[in-house]
Amino acid sequence: MRVVWCVLLCLLLSSCGWGGGARLVPPPSVPDGISIATGSPQGPYYSIGTGLMKIYERDLAGGVATSVQSTDGTVENLELLRAGKVEMALAMADTASFYLGGPSTDLRAMAALYSNHVQIVTLQGSPIHRVEDLRGKKVGVGAPNSGVEANSRSLLNAYGIQYEDFEPHYLSYAEAMEQLRQRTIDAAFVTSGLPNPTVLEMLPANGHGVRMIPIPMEEAERLAEGYPFFRPSEIPAGMYHNEAAIPTVSIQNMMLVRQDLPEEKVYDLTRVLFENLEELSDYHEAAKDIQLERAWANLPVPYHPGAERFFRERGVVWGE
């Protein structure tokens, strides 16, 4: 299995351009403040990150300057965090594990958050009904440097489907839905919290029609056995005008911080986050799934001492 992870890591980094090519240099983080790397402005990462920074500006002692960086997703977020350009970053656990390739010395976990659900979107009337039907089609696999692209590749690999078996398009959520609307692609991976606003815009009330390609429960369970970051899950009935729940798989999201942040600072960041979960859910419905009781989890990155102290005080730490 380790060979599989290594192969996937190499494929991910090569496909996303991490082979020494030129990259834009992001702006520095806010001095003595908090900057967070999020995701596409149309996705839950950006909405939740924006809300959290507003809460920090109001509630952290003495006031603090904050900034939100929109990015292409997890891989770019990890790069920004490692480069010291941000203090915090949202990330998918599977992609972080691929990217880090082993124990991390410079990144730390602050909390396990909500789950991202794999949503494979196609148009009503499409001949695509199963994952296997993606062969030979034009498929949006996520933006470059994104966790969406990483777990799209992992999931397809589990089905024996390689990128040469179809035509991959590297698209953000909004780009993918626009190309579906224009019928220039046949399907798209939209791995995110629920609901994804760009998918909502494609519902019949807005003059379009889409449906989800299911991952049947027995296939989801098999995926979870071979790829431990996938967990069987469902898109609830009614989420996208669907009459019944749609089986799929999900991946754990987490909040990461730099290892060099002071313990007291990370303690306060963790405390303020969990004291304001109800308000945070006003920025995106996915935040409703963030729960203190599930914030201490088996993540691929060790917890920061400040976060661990907070969770121990609240009695949610298990293991040593």
Protein backbone atom coordinates (compact mmCIF):
# COMPACT_ATOMS: atom_id res chain seq x y z
CA MET A 1 0.00 0.00 0.00
CA ARG A 2 2.90 2.37 0.72
CA VAL A 3 4.03 1.91 -2.89
CA VAL A 4 0.57 3.03 -4.04
CA TRP A 5 0.74 6.17 -1.85
CA CYS A 6 4.21 7.02 -3.17
CA VAL A 7 3.12 6.56 -6.79
CA LEU A 8 0.10 8.78 -6.21
CA LEU A 9 2.27 11.44 -4.58
CA CYS A 10 4.65 11.49 -7.52
CA LEU A 11 1.79 11.71 -9.99
CA LEU A 12 0.13 14.49 -8.03
CA LEU A 13 3.25 16.63 -7.74
CA SER A 14 4.20 16.16 -11.38
CA SER A 15 0.71 16.94 -12.65
CA CYS A 16 0.41 20.03 -10.48
CA GLY A 17 3.68 21.54 -11.67
CA TRP A 18 5.88 21.00 -8.62
CA GLY A 19 8.85 20.09 -10.77
CA GLY A 20 10.75 23.36 -10.44
CA GLY A 21 8.71 25.54 -12.80
CA ALA A 22 8.13 29.22 -12.14
CA ARG A 23 5.55 30.07 -9.47
CA LEU A 24 3.94 33.28 -8.39
CA VAL A 25 5.30 34.48 -5.07
CA PRO A 26 2.39 35.14 -2.70
CA PRO A 27 2.28 38.24 -0.50
CA PRO A 28 3.71 37.96 3.02
CA SER A 29 1.48 37.21 5.97
CA VAL A 30 0.13 40.02 8.13
CA PRO A 31 2.85 41.10 10.62
CA ASP A 32 1.84 40.15 14.16
CA GLY A 33 -1.49 39.06 12.77
CA ILE A 34 -3.20 36.00 11.34
CA SER A 35 -3.32 35.04 7.68
CA ILE A 36 -5.11 31.92 6.45
CA ALA A 37 -4.79 30.01 3.18
CA THR A 38 -8.20 28.79 2.00
CA GLY A 39 -9.37 27.84 -1.49
CA SER A 40 -11.47 29.04 -4.40
CA PRO A 41 -13.72 32.03 -3.60
CA GLN A 42 -16.68 29.86 -4.68
CA GLY A 43 -15.91 27.09 -2.18
CA PRO A 44 -16.49 26.36 1.52
CA TYR A 45 -12.81 26.81 2.49
CA TYR A 46 -12.89 30.47 1.48
CA SER A 47 -16.27 31.18 3.10
CA ILE A 48 -15.32 29.50 6.38
CA GLY A 49 -11.85 31.06 6.42
CA THR A 50 -13.32 34.51 5.82
CA GLY A 51 -15.82 34.07 8.64
CA LEU A 52 -13.19 32.78 11.03
CA MET A 53 -10.89 35.74 10.38
CA LYS A 54 -13.74 38.17 11.13
CA ILE A 55 -14.37 36.35 14.40
CA TYR A 56 -10.67 36.50 15.31
CA GLU A 57 -10.53 40.25 14.60
CA ARG A 58 -13.39 40.76 17.04
CA ASP A 59 -12.63 38.23 19.77
CA LEU A 60 -8.88 37.82 20.13
CA ALA A 61 -7.47 39.86 23.01
CA GLY A 62 -6.17 43.27 21.95
CA GLY A 63 -7.53 42.92 18.43
CA VAL A 64 -5.58 41.39 15.59
CA ALA A 65 -5.13 42.13 11.90
CA THR A 66 -6.19 39.26 9.64
CA SER A 67 -6.09 38.38 5.97
CA VAL A 68 -7.60 35.63 3.81
CA GLN A 69 -5.75 34.22 0.81
CA SER A 70 -7.73 32.50 -1.92
CA THR A 71 -5.77 29.59 -3.39
CA ASP A 72 -6.10 26.53 -5.59
CA GLY A 73 -6.46 24.34 -2.50
CA THR A 74 -4.59 21.99 -0.22
CA VAL A 75 -1.23 21.61 -1.97
CA GLU A 76 -0.81 25.36 -2.41
CA ASN A 77 -1.97 25.90 1.18
CA LEU A 78 0.71 23.54 2.46
CA GLU A 79 3.33 25.33 0.40
CA LEU A 80 2.27 28.72 1.77
CA LEU A 81 2.28 27.41 5.33
CA ARG A 82 5.72 25.84 4.97
CA ALA A 83 7.10 29.02 3.39
CA GLY A 84 5.90 31.08 6.37
CA LYS A 85 3.54 33.12 4.19
CA VAL A 86 0.49 32.26 6.31
CA GLU A 87 -0.09 31.20 9.91
CA MET A 88 -3.05 28.89 9.26
CA ALA A 89 -4.30 26.73 6.39
CA LEU A 90 -7.25 24.52 5.58
CA ALA A 91 -6.33 21.14 4.10
CA MET A 92 -7.69 17.72 3.20
CA ALA A 93 -6.10 14.92 5.22
CA ASP A 94 -5.47 12.61 2.27
CA THR A 95 -3.68 15.24 0.19
CA ALA A 96 -1.61 16.40 3.16
CA SER A 97 -0.52 12.82 3.75
CA PHE A 98 0.53 12.38 0.10
CA TYR A 99 2.33 15.70 0.06
CA LEU A 100 4.20 15.33 3.35
CA GLY A 101 5.21 11.73 2.69
CA GLY A 102 6.06 11.17 6.36
CA PRO A 103 6.13 12.87 9.78
CA SER A 104 6.02 16.66 9.52
CA THR A 105 8.53 18.78 11.44
CA ASP A 106 7.23 22.22 10.49
CA LEU A 107 3.43 21.86 10.36
CA ARG A 108 0.99 21.09 13.16
CA ALA A 109 -2.71 20.29 13.35
CA MET A 110 -5.06 22.62 15.17
CA ALA A 111 -8.29 20.65 14.72
CA ALA A 112 -10.15 18.09 12.65
CA LEU A 113 -13.04 19.93 11.00
CA TYR A 114 -15.88 18.79 8.75
CA SER A 115 -15.87 16.22 5.95
CA ASN A 116 -15.50 16.89 2.24
CA HIS A 117 -17.85 14.75 0.17
CA VAL A 118 -16.85 13.49 -3.27
CA GLN A 119 -19.50 14.87 -5.63
CA ILE A 120 -19.19 13.66 -9.22
CA VAL A 121 -21.49 15.94 -11.18
CA THR A 122 -22.91 15.36 -14.64
CA LEU A 123 -25.85 16.74 -16.63
CA GLN A 124 -29.35 15.33 -16.61
CA GLY A 125 -29.66 13.00 -19.60
CA SER A 126 -25.96 12.15 -19.57
CA PRO A 127 -25.00 8.53 -20.38
CA ILE A 128 -22.69 8.55 -17.35
CA HIS A 129 -24.24 6.54 -14.51
CA ARG A 130 -21.22 4.89 -12.84
CA VAL A 131 -17.64 5.89 -12.15
CA GLU A 132 -16.53 3.40 -14.80
CA ASP A 133 -18.51 5.38 -17.40
CA LEU A 134 -15.98 8.23 -17.12
CA ARG A 135 -13.63 6.35 -19.46
CA GLY A 136 -13.33 8.17 -22.76
CA LYS A 137 -15.10 11.28 -21.43
CA LYS A 138 -14.02 14.87 -20.74
CA VAL A 139 -13.81 15.19 -16.97
CA GLY A 140 -13.08 18.14 -14.67
CA VAL A 141 -10.70 16.73 -12.04
CA GLY A 142 -10.16 19.86 -9.91
CA ALA A 143 -7.83 22.82 -10.06
CA PRO A 144 -4.06 22.30 -10.17
CA ASN A 145 -2.50 22.14 -6.67
CA SER A 146 -5.87 21.21 -5.17
CA GLY A 147 -7.00 18.46 -2.86
CA VAL A 148 -9.87 17.85 -5.29
CA GLU A 149 -7.43 16.81 -7.99
CA ALA A 150 -5.47 14.63 -5.57
CA ASN A 151 -8.44 12.61 -4.36
CA SER A 152 -9.98 12.48 -7.86
CA ARG A 153 -6.80 10.76 -8.99
CA SER A 154 -6.84 8.42 -5.98
CA LEU A 155 -10.47 7.45 -6.47
CA LEU A 156 -10.10 6.83 -10.20
CA ASN A 157 -6.93 4.82 -9.59
CA ALA A 158 -8.93 2.57 -7.24
CA TYR A 159 -11.30 1.87 -10.14
CA GLY A 160 -8.38 1.08 -12.44
CA ILE A 161 -8.88 4.32 -14.38
CA GLN A 162 -5.78 6.33 -15.30
CA TYR A 163 -5.69 9.84 -16.72
CA GLU A 164 -4.82 8.47 -20.16
CA ASP A 165 -8.18 6.66 -20.12
CA PHE A 166 -10.11 9.93 -20.39
CA GLU A 167 -9.52 13.63 -21.08
CA PRO A 168 -8.74 15.42 -17.79
CA HIS A 169 -9.54 19.12 -17.41
CA TYR A 170 -7.95 20.99 -14.49
CA LEU A 171 -10.75 23.30 -13.38
CA SER A 172 -11.92 25.14 -10.29
CA TYR A 173 -15.47 24.58 -9.03
CA ALA A 174 -16.83 27.57 -10.96
CA GLU A 175 -14.91 26.74 -14.13
CA ALA A 176 -16.12 23.14 -14.02
CA MET A 177 -19.78 24.10 -13.65
CA GLU A 178 -19.50 26.68 -16.44
CA GLN A 179 -17.97 24.11 -18.78
CA LEU A 180 -20.69 21.61 -17.86
CA ARG A 181 -23.23 24.32 -18.66
CA GLN A 182 -21.56 24.88 -22.03
CA ARG A 183 -21.30 21.08 -22.54
CA THR A 184 -17.56 21.28 -23.15
CA ILE A 185 -16.98 18.65 -20.44
CA ASP A 186 -19.09 15.62 -19.55
CA ALA A 187 -18.61 15.43 -15.78
CA ALA A 188 -16.69 17.06 -12.94
CA PHE A 189 -15.35 16.19 -9.51
CA VAL A 190 -16.54 18.71 -6.91
CA THR A 191 -15.10 17.48 -3.62
CA SER A 192 -16.19 19.88 -0.90
CA GLY A 193 -18.40 20.44 2.09
CA LEU A 194 -22.14 20.37 1.51
CA PRO A 195 -23.69 22.07 -0.29
CA ASN A 196 -21.30 23.41 -2.92
CA PRO A 197 -22.66 26.79 -4.09
CA THR A 198 -21.54 26.33 -7.70
CA VAL A 199 -23.54 23.09 -7.90
CA LEU A 200 -26.58 24.81 -6.39
CA GLU A 201 -26.42 27.32 -9.24
CA MET A 202 -26.82 24.43 -11.69
CA LEU A 203 -30.11 23.17 -10.26
CA PRO A 204 -33.33 23.26 -12.34
CA ALA A 205 -34.57 26.40 -10.54
CA ASN A 206 -31.72 28.24 -12.24
CA GLY A 207 -32.49 26.83 -15.69
CA HIS A 208 -30.09 23.87 -15.65
CA GLY A 209 -30.18 20.27 -14.58
CA VAL A 210 -27.47 18.15 -12.99
CA ARG A 211 -27.28 14.90 -11.09
CA MET A 212 -24.69 13.08 -9.01
CA ILE A 213 -22.93 9.90 -10.03
CA PRO A 214 -23.22 7.59 -7.01
CA ILE A 215 -20.50 5.49 -5.43
CA PRO A 216 -22.53 2.50 -4.17
CA MET A 217 -21.98 1.61 -0.53
CA GLU A 218 -20.22 -1.69 -1.25
CA GLU A 219 -17.79 0.15 -3.55
CA ALA A 220 -17.32 2.89 -0.96
CA GLU A 221 -16.45 0.29 1.68
CA ARG A 222 -13.95 -1.30 -0.67
CA LEU A 223 -12.38 2.10 -1.35
CA ALA A 224 -12.05 2.73 2.38
CA GLU A 225 -10.22 -0.58 2.84
CA GLY A 226 -7.61 0.25 0.20
CA TYR A 227 -7.46 4.01 0.75
CA PRO A 228 -7.95 4.69 4.47
CA PHE A 229 -8.67 8.41 4.07
CA PHE A 230 -11.90 7.64 2.18
CA ARG A 231 -14.94 7.01 4.36
CA PRO A 232 -18.37 5.82 3.17
CA SER A 233 -20.85 8.70 3.37
CA GLU A 234 -23.99 10.11 1.79
CA ILE A 235 -25.18 13.29 0.16
CA PRO A 236 -28.45 13.78 2.06
CA ALA A 237 -31.81 13.69 0.32
CA GLY A 238 -32.90 17.14 -0.76
CA MET A 239 -29.38 18.63 -0.83
CA TYR A 240 -29.48 19.07 -4.61
CA HIS A 241 -33.18 18.35 -5.24
CA ASN A 242 -32.32 14.64 -5.02
CA GLU A 243 -35.23 12.56 -3.70
CA ALA A 244 -33.04 9.95 -2.01
CA ALA A 245 -29.64 10.07 -0.33
CA ILE A 246 -26.75 9.50 -2.74
CA PRO A 247 -23.96 7.18 -1.57
CA THR A 248 -20.41 8.46 -1.95
CA VAL A 249 -17.18 8.79 0.04
CA SER A 250 -15.83 11.63 2.16
CA ILE A 251 -12.43 12.92 3.32
CA GLN A 252 -11.54 14.63 6.60
CA ASN A 253 -10.72 18.34 6.51
CA MET A 254 -8.36 19.82 9.07
CA MET A 255 -7.01 23.17 10.22
CA LEU A 256 -3.22 23.37 10.19
CA VAL A 257 -0.88 25.91 11.76
CA ARG A 258 2.85 26.54 11.67
CA GLN A 259 4.87 24.60 14.22
CA ASP A 260 6.69 27.76 15.34
CA LEU A 261 3.57 29.62 16.50
CA PRO A 262 3.57 30.22 20.28
CA GLU A 263 1.55 27.76 22.36
CA GLU A 264 -0.60 30.50 23.89
CA LYS A 265 -1.47 31.93 20.47
CA VAL A 266 -2.62 28.56 19.09
CA TYR A 267 -4.53 27.86 22.30
CA ASP A 268 -6.46 31.10 21.79
CA LEU A 269 -7.02 30.43 18.09
CA THR A 270 -8.46 27.01 18.94
CA ARG A 271 -10.58 28.33 21.82
CA VAL A 272 -12.14 31.16 19.80
CA LEU A 273 -12.92 28.80 16.90
CA PHE A 274 -14.86 26.38 19.09
CA GLU A 275 -16.59 29.13 21.07
CA ASN A 276 -18.10 30.48 17.85
CA LEU A 277 -19.17 27.44 15.83
CA GLU A 278 -22.78 28.57 15.54
CA GLU A 279 -21.74 31.92 14.07
CA LEU A 280 -19.20 30.25 11.78
CA SER A 281 -21.96 28.09 10.27
CA ASP A 282 -23.65 31.31 9.09
CA TYR A 283 -20.80 31.68 6.59
CA HIS A 284 -21.22 28.16 5.20
CA GLU A 285 -23.51 25.27 6.11
CA ALA A 286 -20.58 22.81 6.11
CA ALA A 287 -19.33 24.40 9.34
CA LYS A 288 -22.36 22.90 11.10
CA ASP A 289 -20.47 19.58 10.97
CA ILE A 290 -17.51 20.92 12.99
CA GLN A 291 -17.88 19.44 16.47
CA LEU A 292 -15.64 19.69 19.52
CA GLU A 293 -16.11 15.99 20.26
CA ARG A 294 -14.65 15.07 16.84
CA ALA A 295 -11.93 17.71 16.65
CA TRP A 296 -9.29 15.38 18.15
CA ALA A 297 -8.74 12.70 15.51
CA ASN A 298 -6.14 10.45 13.95
CA LEU A 299 -4.64 13.03 11.55
CA PRO A 300 -1.48 12.72 9.40
CA VAL A 301 0.02 15.75 11.20
CA PRO A 302 0.69 15.93 14.98
CA TYR A 303 -1.27 18.44 17.04
CA HIS A 304 0.22 21.75 18.09
CA PRO A 305 0.82 21.90 21.89
CA GLY A 306 -1.53 24.89 22.17
CA ALA A 307 -4.38 23.00 20.50
CA GLU A 308 -3.66 19.86 22.51
CA ARG A 309 -3.83 21.84 25.77
CA PHE A 310 -7.24 23.22 24.77
CA PHE A 311 -8.62 19.77 23.92
CA ARG A 312 -7.22 18.22 27.10
CA GLU A 313 -8.94 20.92 29.15
CA ARG A 314 -12.20 20.07 27.38
CA GLY A 315 -11.74 16.34 27.94
CA VAL A 316 -11.81 15.28 24.30
CA VAL A 317 -8.25 13.93 23.97
CA TRP A 318 -7.91 10.17 23.56
CA GLY A 319 -4.68 8.19 23.42
CA GLU A 320 -1.25 9.51 24.23
